[in-house]
Amino acid sequence: MLTGSGAPALRAVARAVVRAAGVLAGTAVVVFAATATLPADAIAVRAGGRVDPAELDGLRAAAGLDRPLPERFLRWAGGLLTGDPGRSLVTGREVAEVVAERAGTTTALVLASLAVAAPVAAVLAHRRGAAPAAIGSAVPPVVTAIGLATLLAGVLHWVPPVSLLPVGASAWTRPDLLVLPVLALALPTGAYAAGQLRGAVEDVAARPFVHDAVLRGVPRHVVALRYVGPFVAAPALRVLAVTAGGLIAGSTIVETLFGIAGLGELLVGAVATRDVPVVSAVALLAAAVVVAGTLLADVVAALVARR
């Protein structure tokens, strides 16, 4: 049995795990309900009015769309727990296979965007005045994308105007094709993250031990990393988790604009064809990234509090 200073930290971690599991379960319910209530369905979209009602009912029954919503949810949730998110209603392929085929490209895009957004957020969060972060986060990604494409591709001719990565191709083989989409995602994301972290950074910077370090002549970067960094690690991880999930969702715009065959482009196509299993899988994946990152942040916060 754990006693002493380790027990509160362990209890905090256990509560964080339970809370994360509950949030993920609730998210699964919301995602399924939202996708299941889309107007029309995949069978009707595919038929396009060319199939008589009796045959349409038969196709719906074959796809399991005639069953009550709670029963469909339980079957879907049971499949998720066993690692089987079902089959696409449009192509008939395994959803896991379809998502895995696109996940590599979006993962590369998100990781590269986070690598650029993190230093942007760190710089803006430590700047005096909130105007740069507020202005940067207020600009929609589509406006940023168009502006960057006009400048870097249209005027300076530094990068291609579109990416056109084929399905399944590795994005790392053509890093020049990632420049525009990465910047279009990273700059607004970095500004948003800076706005979220600014309050925590200012609170820690106002503490006596930070003032003491500054008066002793400790370099600013050492103060930021050694004295401020540990205390903003937990909120920074929470912001990182939210922005990572937001980048997966926000990639729909960027991937469509620049012709990238990733999860965002897959989600847009799945919504258009009412392919509910694919829509649910992509949406739940983005939510799982946020929940996992937030759980990690809660664990870090518990360990920092113990110190």
C-alpha atoms as a PDB file:
ATOM      1  CA  MET A   1       0.000   0.000   0.000  1.00  0.00           C
ATOM      2  CA  LEU A   2       1.397   3.402  -0.986  1.00  0.00           C
ATOM      3  CA  THR A   3       1.759   5.981   1.759  1.00  0.00           C
ATOM      4  CA  GLY A   4       3.357   9.367   2.116  1.00  0.00           C
ATOM      5  CA  SER A   5       3.759  11.898  -0.644  1.00  0.00           C
ATOM      6  CA  GLY A   6       3.355   9.340  -3.445  1.00  0.00           C
ATOM      7  CA  ALA A   7      -0.243   8.391  -2.610  1.00  0.00           C
ATOM      8  CA  PRO A   8      -1.899  11.725  -3.551  1.00  0.00           C
ATOM      9  CA  ALA A   9      -0.070  11.749  -6.883  1.00  0.00           C
ATOM     10  CA  LEU A  10      -1.164   8.171  -7.591  1.00  0.00           C
ATOM     11  CA  ARG A  11      -4.770   9.009  -6.726  1.00  0.00           C
ATOM     12  CA  ALA A  12      -4.631  12.049  -8.991  1.00  0.00           C
ATOM     13  CA  VAL A  13      -3.318   9.908 -11.861  1.00  0.00           C
ATOM     14  CA  ALA A  14      -6.058   7.305 -11.265  1.00  0.00           C
ATOM     15  CA  ARG A  15      -8.730  10.020 -11.339  1.00  0.00           C
ATOM     16  CA  ALA A  16      -7.239  11.363 -14.560  1.00  0.00           C
ATOM     17  CA  VAL A  17      -7.390   7.917 -16.183  1.00  0.00           C
ATOM     18  CA  VAL A  18     -11.026   7.418 -15.161  1.00  0.00           C
ATOM     19  CA  ARG A  19     -11.918  10.906 -16.352  1.00  0.00           C
ATOM     20  CA  ALA A  20     -10.194  10.315 -19.706  1.00  0.00           C
ATOM     21  CA  ALA A  21     -12.047   7.033 -20.191  1.00  0.00           C
ATOM     22  CA  GLY A  22     -15.365   8.719 -19.419  1.00  0.00           C
ATOM     23  CA  VAL A  23     -14.677  11.600 -21.801  1.00  0.00           C
ATOM     24  CA  LEU A  24     -13.719   9.202 -24.588  1.00  0.00           C
ATOM     25  CA  ALA A  25     -16.863   7.109 -24.024  1.00  0.00           C
ATOM     26  CA  GLY A  26     -19.055  10.220 -24.050  1.00  0.00           C
ATOM     27  CA  THR A  27     -17.311  11.452 -27.178  1.00  0.00           C
ATOM     28  CA  ALA A  28     -18.015   8.141 -28.893  1.00  0.00           C
ATOM     29  CA  VAL A  29     -21.730   8.545 -28.150  1.00  0.00           C
ATOM     30  CA  VAL A  30     -21.787  12.121 -29.460  1.00  0.00           C
ATOM     31  CA  VAL A  31     -19.812  11.240 -32.607  1.00  0.00           C
ATOM     32  CA  PHE A  32     -22.059   8.294 -33.440  1.00  0.00           C
ATOM     33  CA  ALA A  33     -25.242  10.265 -32.811  1.00  0.00           C
ATOM     34  CA  ALA A  34     -24.054  13.200 -34.902  1.00  0.00           C
ATOM     35  CA  THR A  35     -23.008  11.054 -37.859  1.00  0.00           C
ATOM     36  CA  ALA A  36     -26.057   8.817 -37.691  1.00  0.00           C
ATOM     37  CA  THR A  37     -28.405  11.798 -37.930  1.00  0.00           C
ATOM     38  CA  LEU A  38     -26.873  13.212 -41.117  1.00  0.00           C
ATOM     39  CA  PRO A  39     -29.565  13.824 -43.763  1.00  0.00           C
ATOM     40  CA  ALA A  40     -30.057  10.841 -46.098  1.00  0.00           C
ATOM     41  CA  ASP A  41     -27.629   7.916 -45.875  1.00  0.00           C
ATOM     42  CA  ALA A  42     -24.881   6.276 -47.905  1.00  0.00           C
ATOM     43  CA  ILE A  43     -27.302   3.941 -49.684  1.00  0.00           C
ATOM     44  CA  ALA A  44     -29.564   6.784 -50.820  1.00  0.00           C
ATOM     45  CA  VAL A  45     -26.585   8.893 -51.915  1.00  0.00           C
ATOM     46  CA  ARG A  46     -25.152   6.028 -53.952  1.00  0.00           C
ATOM     47  CA  ALA A  47     -28.527   5.248 -55.514  1.00  0.00           C
ATOM     48  CA  GLY A  48     -29.019   8.861 -56.587  1.00  0.00           C
ATOM     49  CA  GLY A  49     -32.762   8.340 -57.106  1.00  0.00           C
ATOM     50  CA  ARG A  50     -32.224   5.595 -59.684  1.00  0.00           C
ATOM     51  CA  VAL A  51     -33.360   2.706 -57.438  1.00  0.00           C
ATOM     52  CA  ASP A  52     -36.960   1.927 -56.547  1.00  0.00           C
ATOM     53  CA  PRO A  53     -37.959   2.190 -52.844  1.00  0.00           C
ATOM     54  CA  ALA A  54     -38.293  -1.564 -52.321  1.00  0.00           C
ATOM     55  CA  GLU A  55     -34.791  -2.258 -53.592  1.00  0.00           C
ATOM     56  CA  LEU A  56     -33.491   0.691 -51.569  1.00  0.00           C
ATOM     57  CA  ASP A  57     -34.990  -0.796 -48.399  1.00  0.00           C
ATOM     58  CA  GLY A  58     -33.298  -4.111 -49.194  1.00  0.00           C
ATOM     59  CA  LEU A  59     -29.910  -2.438 -49.597  1.00  0.00           C
ATOM     60  CA  ARG A  60     -30.388  -0.594 -46.304  1.00  0.00           C
ATOM     61  CA  ALA A  61     -31.261  -3.859 -44.557  1.00  0.00           C
ATOM     62  CA  ALA A  62     -28.161  -5.539 -46.005  1.00  0.00           C
ATOM     63  CA  ALA A  63     -26.014  -2.695 -44.662  1.00  0.00           C
ATOM     64  CA  GLY A  64     -27.717  -2.835 -41.242  1.00  0.00           C
ATOM     65  CA  LEU A  65     -29.140   0.680 -41.567  1.00  0.00           C
ATOM     66  CA  ASP A  66     -32.694  -0.495 -40.888  1.00  0.00           C
ATOM     67  CA  ARG A  67     -31.914  -1.489 -37.309  1.00  0.00           C
ATOM     68  CA  PRO A  68     -32.673   0.745 -34.293  1.00  0.00           C
ATOM     69  CA  LEU A  69     -30.070   3.383 -33.505  1.00  0.00           C
ATOM     70  CA  PRO A  70     -29.182   1.964 -30.041  1.00  0.00           C
ATOM     71  CA  GLU A  71     -28.554  -1.462 -31.552  1.00  0.00           C
ATOM     72  CA  ARG A  72     -26.357   0.022 -34.278  1.00  0.00           C
ATOM     73  CA  PHE A  73     -24.411   1.972 -31.662  1.00  0.00           C
ATOM     74  CA  LEU A  74     -23.802  -1.107 -29.508  1.00  0.00           C
ATOM     75  CA  ARG A  75     -22.567  -3.063 -32.521  1.00  0.00           C
ATOM     76  CA  TRP A  76     -20.291  -0.199 -33.531  1.00  0.00           C
ATOM     77  CA  ALA A  77     -18.961   0.329 -29.986  1.00  0.00           C
ATOM     78  CA  GLY A  78     -18.402  -3.408 -29.584  1.00  0.00           C
ATOM     79  CA  GLY A  79     -16.419  -3.417 -32.804  1.00  0.00           C
ATOM     80  CA  LEU A  80     -14.273  -0.523 -31.581  1.00  0.00           C
ATOM     81  CA  LEU A  81     -13.479  -2.382 -28.368  1.00  0.00           C
ATOM     82  CA  THR A  82     -12.286  -5.373 -30.407  1.00  0.00           C
ATOM     83  CA  GLY A  83     -10.362  -3.230 -32.872  1.00  0.00           C
ATOM     84  CA  ASP A  84     -12.903  -3.465 -35.693  1.00  0.00           C
ATOM     85  CA  PRO A  85     -14.514  -0.117 -36.617  1.00  0.00           C
ATOM     86  CA  GLY A  86     -16.513  -1.776 -39.415  1.00  0.00           C
ATOM     87  CA  ARG A  87     -16.597  -1.452 -43.184  1.00  0.00           C
ATOM     88  CA  SER A  88     -17.077   1.527 -45.446  1.00  0.00           C
ATOM     89  CA  LEU A  89     -20.662   1.811 -46.690  1.00  0.00           C
ATOM     90  CA  VAL A  90     -19.359   3.179 -50.001  1.00  0.00           C
ATOM     91  CA  THR A  91     -16.374   1.005 -50.918  1.00  0.00           C
ATOM     92  CA  GLY A  92     -16.941  -2.003 -48.676  1.00  0.00           C
ATOM     93  CA  ARG A  93     -13.324  -1.850 -47.472  1.00  0.00           C
ATOM     94  CA  GLU A  94     -12.305  -2.190 -43.830  1.00  0.00           C
ATOM     95  CA  VAL A  95     -12.457   1.228 -42.177  1.00  0.00           C
ATOM     96  CA  ALA A  96      -9.216   0.535 -40.300  1.00  0.00           C
ATOM     97  CA  GLU A  97      -7.477  -0.106 -43.620  1.00  0.00           C
ATOM     98  CA  VAL A  98      -8.874   3.063 -45.210  1.00  0.00           C
ATOM     99  CA  VAL A  99      -7.882   5.226 -42.215  1.00  0.00           C
ATOM    100  CA  ALA A 100      -4.408   3.668 -41.950  1.00  0.00           C
ATOM    101  CA  GLU A 101      -3.837   4.375 -45.640  1.00  0.00           C
ATOM    102  CA  ARG A 102      -4.361   8.110 -45.053  1.00  0.00           C
ATOM    103  CA  ALA A 103      -3.061   8.427 -41.485  1.00  0.00           C
ATOM    104  CA  GLY A 104       0.623   8.577 -42.412  1.00  0.00           C
ATOM    105  CA  THR A 105       0.233  11.710 -44.526  1.00  0.00           C
ATOM    106  CA  THR A 106      -1.866  13.546 -41.941  1.00  0.00           C
ATOM    107  CA  THR A 107       0.476  12.449 -39.139  1.00  0.00           C
ATOM    108  CA  ALA A 108       3.420  13.941 -41.024  1.00  0.00           C
ATOM    109  CA  LEU A 109       1.456  17.137 -41.616  1.00  0.00           C
ATOM    110  CA  VAL A 110       0.372  17.426 -37.961  1.00  0.00           C
ATOM    111  CA  LEU A 111       3.823  16.650 -36.518  1.00  0.00           C
ATOM    112  CA  ALA A 112       5.533  19.134 -38.822  1.00  0.00           C
ATOM    113  CA  SER A 113       2.897  21.750 -37.966  1.00  0.00           C
ATOM    114  CA  LEU A 114       3.386  21.170 -34.228  1.00  0.00           C
ATOM    115  CA  ALA A 115       7.167  21.452 -34.657  1.00  0.00           C
ATOM    116  CA  VAL A 116       6.671  24.903 -36.197  1.00  0.00           C
ATOM    117  CA  ALA A 117       3.777  26.002 -33.958  1.00  0.00           C
ATOM    118  CA  ALA A 118       5.541  25.181 -30.660  1.00  0.00           C
ATOM    119  CA  PRO A 119       8.368  27.744 -30.982  1.00  0.00           C
ATOM    120  CA  VAL A 120       5.937  30.298 -32.409  1.00  0.00           C
ATOM    121  CA  ALA A 121       3.720  29.819 -29.346  1.00  0.00           C
ATOM    122  CA  ALA A 122       6.702  29.989 -26.960  1.00  0.00           C
ATOM    123  CA  VAL A 123       7.921  33.278 -28.450  1.00  0.00           C
ATOM    124  CA  LEU A 124       4.486  34.913 -28.566  1.00  0.00           C
ATOM    125  CA  ALA A 125       3.546  33.733 -25.054  1.00  0.00           C
ATOM    126  CA  HIS A 126       6.627  35.490 -23.619  1.00  0.00           C
ATOM    127  CA  ARG A 127       6.135  38.724 -25.571  1.00  0.00           C
ATOM    128  CA  ARG A 128       4.684  41.755 -23.865  1.00  0.00           C
ATOM    129  CA  GLY A 129       1.284  42.639 -25.213  1.00  0.00           C
ATOM    130  CA  ALA A 130      -1.340  40.203 -26.414  1.00  0.00           C
ATOM    131  CA  ALA A 131      -1.939  41.775 -29.845  1.00  0.00           C
ATOM    132  CA  PRO A 132       0.283  39.463 -31.981  1.00  0.00           C
ATOM    133  CA  ALA A 133      -1.247  36.287 -30.556  1.00  0.00           C
ATOM    134  CA  ALA A 134      -4.800  37.666 -30.757  1.00  0.00           C
ATOM    135  CA  ILE A 135      -4.410  38.803 -34.345  1.00  0.00           C
ATOM    136  CA  GLY A 136      -2.711  35.583 -35.444  1.00  0.00           C
ATOM    137  CA  SER A 137      -5.319  33.313 -33.906  1.00  0.00           C
ATOM    138  CA  ALA A 138      -8.190  35.395 -35.330  1.00  0.00           C
ATOM    139  CA  VAL A 139      -7.129  34.840 -38.947  1.00  0.00           C
ATOM    140  CA  PRO A 140      -8.928  31.770 -40.394  1.00  0.00           C
ATOM    141  CA  PRO A 141      -6.637  28.993 -41.726  1.00  0.00           C
ATOM    142  CA  VAL A 142      -8.136  29.313 -45.213  1.00  0.00           C
ATOM    143  CA  VAL A 143      -7.112  32.995 -45.333  1.00  0.00           C
ATOM    144  CA  THR A 144      -3.617  32.122 -44.115  1.00  0.00           C
ATOM    145  CA  ALA A 145      -3.371  29.358 -46.711  1.00  0.00           C
ATOM    146  CA  ILE A 146      -4.427  31.608 -49.581  1.00  0.00           C
ATOM    147  CA  GLY A 147      -2.094  34.395 -48.464  1.00  0.00           C
ATOM    148  CA  LEU A 148       0.890  32.053 -48.132  1.00  0.00           C
ATOM    149  CA  ALA A 149       0.162  30.402 -51.473  1.00  0.00           C
ATOM    150  CA  THR A 150      -0.047  33.795 -53.172  1.00  0.00           C
ATOM    151  CA  LEU A 151       3.243  34.991 -51.648  1.00  0.00           C
ATOM    152  CA  LEU A 152       5.432  31.875 -51.579  1.00  0.00           C
ATOM    153  CA  ALA A 153       4.141  30.140 -54.709  1.00  0.00           C
ATOM    154  CA  GLY A 154       2.638  32.888 -56.842  1.00  0.00           C
ATOM    155  CA  VAL A 155       5.051  35.783 -56.223  1.00  0.00           C
ATOM    156  CA  LEU A 156       8.321  34.251 -54.993  1.00  0.00           C
ATOM    157  CA  HIS A 157       7.979  30.828 -56.710  1.00  0.00           C
ATOM    158  CA  TRP A 158       9.734  29.129 -53.794  1.00  0.00           C
ATOM    159  CA  VAL A 159       7.345  26.177 -53.434  1.00  0.00           C
ATOM    160  CA  PRO A 160       4.712  24.402 -55.577  1.00  0.00           C
ATOM    161  CA  PRO A 161       1.211  25.901 -55.293  1.00  0.00           C
ATOM    162  CA  VAL A 162      -0.371  22.469 -54.702  1.00  0.00           C
ATOM    163  CA  SER A 163       0.888  19.277 -53.108  1.00  0.00           C
ATOM    164  CA  LEU A 164      -1.018  16.524 -54.953  1.00  0.00           C
ATOM    165  CA  LEU A 165       0.393  13.721 -52.830  1.00  0.00           C
ATOM    166  CA  PRO A 166      -1.064  10.390 -53.983  1.00  0.00           C
ATOM    167  CA  VAL A 167      -2.900   8.112 -51.562  1.00  0.00           C
ATOM    168  CA  GLY A 168      -0.475   6.091 -49.457  1.00  0.00           C
ATOM    169  CA  ALA A 169       2.628   8.040 -50.535  1.00  0.00           C
ATOM    170  CA  SER A 170       5.016   9.202 -47.814  1.00  0.00           C
ATOM    171  CA  ALA A 171       4.893  12.951 -47.293  1.00  0.00           C
ATOM    172  CA  TRP A 172       8.519  12.932 -46.102  1.00  0.00           C
ATOM    173  CA  THR A 173       9.762  12.063 -49.595  1.00  0.00           C
ATOM    174  CA  ARG A 174       8.683  15.521 -50.820  1.00  0.00           C
ATOM    175  CA  PRO A 175       9.186  17.961 -47.924  1.00  0.00           C
ATOM    176  CA  ASP A 176       8.842  20.903 -50.316  1.00  0.00           C
ATOM    177  CA  LEU A 177       5.202  19.930 -50.801  1.00  0.00           C
ATOM    178  CA  LEU A 178       4.617  20.257 -47.049  1.00  0.00           C
ATOM    179  CA  VAL A 179       5.826  23.854 -46.709  1.00  0.00           C
ATOM    180  CA  LEU A 180       2.574  25.620 -47.607  1.00  0.00           C
ATOM    181  CA  PRO A 181       0.149  23.297 -45.755  1.00  0.00           C
ATOM    182  CA  VAL A 182       2.393  23.173 -42.674  1.00  0.00           C
ATOM    183  CA  LEU A 183       2.702  26.961 -42.458  1.00  0.00           C
ATOM    184  CA  ALA A 184      -1.027  27.394 -43.108  1.00  0.00           C
ATOM    185  CA  LEU A 185      -1.772  25.171 -40.100  1.00  0.00           C
ATOM    186  CA  ALA A 186       1.133  26.092 -37.829  1.00  0.00           C
ATOM    187  CA  LEU A 187       0.970  29.899 -37.791  1.00  0.00           C
ATOM    188  CA  PRO A 188      -2.664  30.265 -36.577  1.00  0.00           C
ATOM    189  CA  THR A 189      -2.163  27.288 -34.242  1.00  0.00           C
ATOM    190  CA  GLY A 190       0.953  28.818 -32.684  1.00  0.00           C
ATOM    191  CA  ALA A 191      -0.836  32.119 -32.146  1.00  0.00           C
ATOM    192  CA  TYR A 192      -3.834  30.350 -30.567  1.00  0.00           C
ATOM    193  CA  ALA A 193      -1.585  28.308 -28.260  1.00  0.00           C
ATOM    194  CA  ALA A 194       0.270  31.457 -27.207  1.00  0.00           C
ATOM    195  CA  GLY A 195      -3.009  33.098 -26.252  1.00  0.00           C
ATOM    196  CA  GLN A 196      -3.969  30.098 -24.137  1.00  0.00           C
ATOM    197  CA  LEU A 197      -0.595  29.906 -22.378  1.00  0.00           C
ATOM    198  CA  ARG A 198      -0.034  33.604 -21.853  1.00  0.00           C
ATOM    199  CA  GLY A 199      -1.903  33.768 -18.537  1.00  0.00           C
ATOM    200  CA  ALA A 200      -0.032  30.780 -17.066  1.00  0.00           C
ATOM    201  CA  VAL A 201       3.337  32.205 -18.156  1.00  0.00           C
ATOM    202  CA  GLU A 202       2.549  35.601 -16.632  1.00  0.00           C
ATOM    203  CA  ASP A 203       1.438  34.008 -13.337  1.00  0.00           C
ATOM    204  CA  VAL A 204       4.669  32.033 -12.986  1.00  0.00           C
ATOM    205  CA  ALA A 205       6.834  34.959 -14.116  1.00  0.00           C
ATOM    206  CA  ALA A 206       5.368  37.062 -11.285  1.00  0.00           C
ATOM    207  CA  ARG A 207       6.509  34.629  -8.573  1.00  0.00           C
ATOM    208  CA  PRO A 208       9.336  35.692  -6.221  1.00  0.00           C
ATOM    209  CA  PHE A 209      11.805  32.957  -7.222  1.00  0.00           C
ATOM    210  CA  VAL A 210      11.618  34.120 -10.860  1.00  0.00           C
ATOM    211  CA  HIS A 211      12.246  37.743  -9.856  1.00  0.00           C
ATOM    212  CA  ASP A 212      15.165  36.550  -7.725  1.00  0.00           C
ATOM    213  CA  ALA A 213      16.672  34.688 -10.688  1.00  0.00           C
ATOM    214  CA  VAL A 214      16.337  37.766 -12.902  1.00  0.00           C
ATOM    215  CA  LEU A 215      17.977  39.977 -10.252  1.00  0.00           C
ATOM    216  CA  ARG A 216      20.868  37.513  -9.958  1.00  0.00           C
ATOM    217  CA  GLY A 217      21.523  37.968 -13.677  1.00  0.00           C
ATOM    218  CA  VAL A 218      20.364  34.533 -14.842  1.00  0.00           C
ATOM    219  CA  PRO A 219      20.006  34.617 -18.669  1.00  0.00           C
ATOM    220  CA  ARG A 220      16.439  34.955 -19.945  1.00  0.00           C
ATOM    221  CA  HIS A 221      16.464  31.615 -21.776  1.00  0.00           C
ATOM    222  CA  VAL A 222      17.639  29.844 -18.601  1.00  0.00           C
ATOM    223  CA  VAL A 223      14.890  31.542 -16.595  1.00  0.00           C
ATOM    224  CA  ALA A 224      12.311  30.466 -19.174  1.00  0.00           C
ATOM    225  CA  LEU A 225      13.493  26.841 -19.323  1.00  0.00           C
ATOM    226  CA  ARG A 226      14.496  26.152 -15.709  1.00  0.00           C
ATOM    227  CA  TYR A 227      12.260  28.387 -13.621  1.00  0.00           C
ATOM    228  CA  VAL A 228       9.130  28.941 -15.717  1.00  0.00           C
ATOM    229  CA  GLY A 229       9.040  25.826 -17.900  1.00  0.00           C
ATOM    230  CA  PRO A 230       8.296  23.149 -15.239  1.00  0.00           C
ATOM    231  CA  PHE A 231       5.332  25.117 -13.892  1.00  0.00           C
ATOM    232  CA  VAL A 232       3.700  25.621 -17.289  1.00  0.00           C
ATOM    233  CA  ALA A 233       4.412  22.075 -18.529  1.00  0.00           C
ATOM    234  CA  ALA A 234       0.953  20.758 -17.630  1.00  0.00           C
ATOM    235  CA  PRO A 235      -1.077  23.596 -19.228  1.00  0.00           C
ATOM    236  CA  ALA A 236       1.285  23.506 -22.214  1.00  0.00           C
ATOM    237  CA  LEU A 237       0.597  19.801 -22.702  1.00  0.00           C
ATOM    238  CA  ARG A 238      -3.148  20.420 -22.445  1.00  0.00           C
ATOM    239  CA  VAL A 239      -2.923  23.124 -25.094  1.00  0.00           C
ATOM    240  CA  LEU A 240      -0.729  20.824 -27.204  1.00  0.00           C
ATOM    241  CA  ALA A 241      -3.328  18.055 -26.962  1.00  0.00           C
ATOM    242  CA  VAL A 242      -6.182  20.329 -27.976  1.00  0.00           C
ATOM    243  CA  THR A 243      -4.217  21.859 -30.834  1.00  0.00           C
ATOM    244  CA  ALA A 244      -3.121  18.423 -32.091  1.00  0.00           C
ATOM    245  CA  GLY A 245      -6.742  17.287 -32.276  1.00  0.00           C
ATOM    246  CA  GLY A 246      -7.657  20.621 -33.824  1.00  0.00           C
ATOM    247  CA  LEU A 247      -4.936  20.183 -36.435  1.00  0.00           C
ATOM    248  CA  ILE A 248      -6.404  16.832 -37.469  1.00  0.00           C
ATOM    249  CA  ALA A 249      -9.812  18.464 -37.835  1.00  0.00           C
ATOM    250  CA  GLY A 250      -8.379  21.617 -39.403  1.00  0.00           C
ATOM    251  CA  SER A 251      -6.445  19.581 -41.939  1.00  0.00           C
ATOM    252  CA  THR A 252      -9.713  19.131 -43.849  1.00  0.00           C
ATOM    253  CA  ILE A 253      -9.403  22.678 -45.211  1.00  0.00           C
ATOM    254  CA  VAL A 254      -5.678  22.570 -45.894  1.00  0.00           C
ATOM    255  CA  GLU A 255      -5.691  19.109 -47.458  1.00  0.00           C
ATOM    256  CA  THR A 256      -8.581  20.058 -49.716  1.00  0.00           C
ATOM    257  CA  LEU A 257      -6.923  23.333 -50.766  1.00  0.00           C
ATOM    258  CA  PHE A 258      -3.514  21.828 -51.504  1.00  0.00           C
ATOM    259  CA  GLY A 259      -4.599  18.428 -52.823  1.00  0.00           C
ATOM    260  CA  ILE A 260      -3.243  16.245 -50.009  1.00  0.00           C
ATOM    261  CA  ALA A 261      -4.765  12.772 -49.713  1.00  0.00           C
ATOM    262  CA  GLY A 262      -4.918  12.601 -45.921  1.00  0.00           C
ATOM    263  CA  LEU A 263      -7.497  12.095 -43.192  1.00  0.00           C
ATOM    264  CA  GLY A 264      -8.993  15.546 -43.699  1.00  0.00           C
ATOM    265  CA  GLU A 265      -9.647  14.938 -47.365  1.00  0.00           C
ATOM    266  CA  LEU A 266     -11.011  11.494 -46.473  1.00  0.00           C
ATOM    267  CA  LEU A 267     -13.376  13.046 -43.908  1.00  0.00           C
ATOM    268  CA  VAL A 268     -14.730  15.566 -46.426  1.00  0.00           C
ATOM    269  CA  GLY A 269     -15.428  12.816 -48.951  1.00  0.00           C
ATOM    270  CA  ALA A 270     -16.986  10.546 -46.319  1.00  0.00           C
ATOM    271  CA  VAL A 271     -19.349  13.279 -45.120  1.00  0.00           C
ATOM    272  CA  ALA A 272     -20.398  14.002 -48.713  1.00  0.00           C
ATOM    273  CA  THR A 273     -21.225  10.328 -49.323  1.00  0.00           C
ATOM    274  CA  ARG A 274     -22.701   9.797 -45.817  1.00  0.00           C
ATOM    275  CA  ASP A 275     -20.138   7.064 -45.122  1.00  0.00           C
ATOM    276  CA  VAL A 276     -20.909   7.011 -41.387  1.00  0.00           C
ATOM    277  CA  PRO A 277     -18.323   4.370 -40.294  1.00  0.00           C
ATOM    278  CA  VAL A 278     -15.485   6.340 -41.911  1.00  0.00           C
ATOM    279  CA  VAL A 279     -16.718   9.697 -40.562  1.00  0.00           C
ATOM    280  CA  SER A 280     -17.052   8.233 -37.064  1.00  0.00           C
ATOM    281  CA  ALA A 281     -13.583   6.670 -37.148  1.00  0.00           C
ATOM    282  CA  VAL A 282     -11.808   9.861 -38.234  1.00  0.00           C
ATOM    283  CA  ALA A 283     -13.739  12.053 -35.778  1.00  0.00           C
ATOM    284  CA  LEU A 284     -13.126   9.657 -32.896  1.00  0.00           C
ATOM    285  CA  LEU A 285      -9.424   9.465 -33.772  1.00  0.00           C
ATOM    286  CA  ALA A 286      -9.107  13.247 -33.456  1.00  0.00           C
ATOM    287  CA  ALA A 287     -10.961  13.115 -30.129  1.00  0.00           C
ATOM    288  CA  ALA A 288      -8.704  10.286 -28.896  1.00  0.00           C
ATOM    289  CA  VAL A 289      -5.624  12.412 -29.612  1.00  0.00           C
ATOM    290  CA  VAL A 290      -7.041  15.229 -27.475  1.00  0.00           C
ATOM    291  CA  VAL A 291      -8.038  12.874 -24.640  1.00  0.00           C
ATOM    292  CA  ALA A 292      -4.657  11.089 -24.633  1.00  0.00           C
ATOM    293  CA  GLY A 293      -2.763  14.374 -24.588  1.00  0.00           C
ATOM    294  CA  THR A 294      -4.937  15.765 -21.811  1.00  0.00           C
ATOM    295  CA  LEU A 295      -4.389  12.590 -19.787  1.00  0.00           C
ATOM    296  CA  LEU A 296      -0.635  12.994 -20.207  1.00  0.00           C
ATOM    297  CA  ALA A 297      -0.950  16.618 -19.066  1.00  0.00           C
ATOM    298  CA  ASP A 298      -2.889  15.540 -15.950  1.00  0.00           C
ATOM    299  CA  VAL A 299      -0.181  13.007 -15.098  1.00  0.00           C
ATOM    300  CA  VAL A 300       2.531  15.643 -15.513  1.00  0.00           C
ATOM    301  CA  ALA A 301       0.532  18.074 -13.369  1.00  0.00           C
ATOM    302  CA  ALA A 302       0.269  15.446 -10.605  1.00  0.00           C
ATOM    303  CA  LEU A 303       4.015  14.793 -10.681  1.00  0.00           C
ATOM    304  CA  VAL A 304       4.860  18.529 -10.690  1.00  0.00           C
ATOM    305  CA  ALA A 305       2.481  19.098  -7.753  1.00  0.00           C
ATOM    306  CA  ARG A 306       4.232  16.292  -5.861  1.00  0.00           C
ATOM    307  CA  ARG A 307       7.592  18.011  -6.421  1.00  0.00           C
END
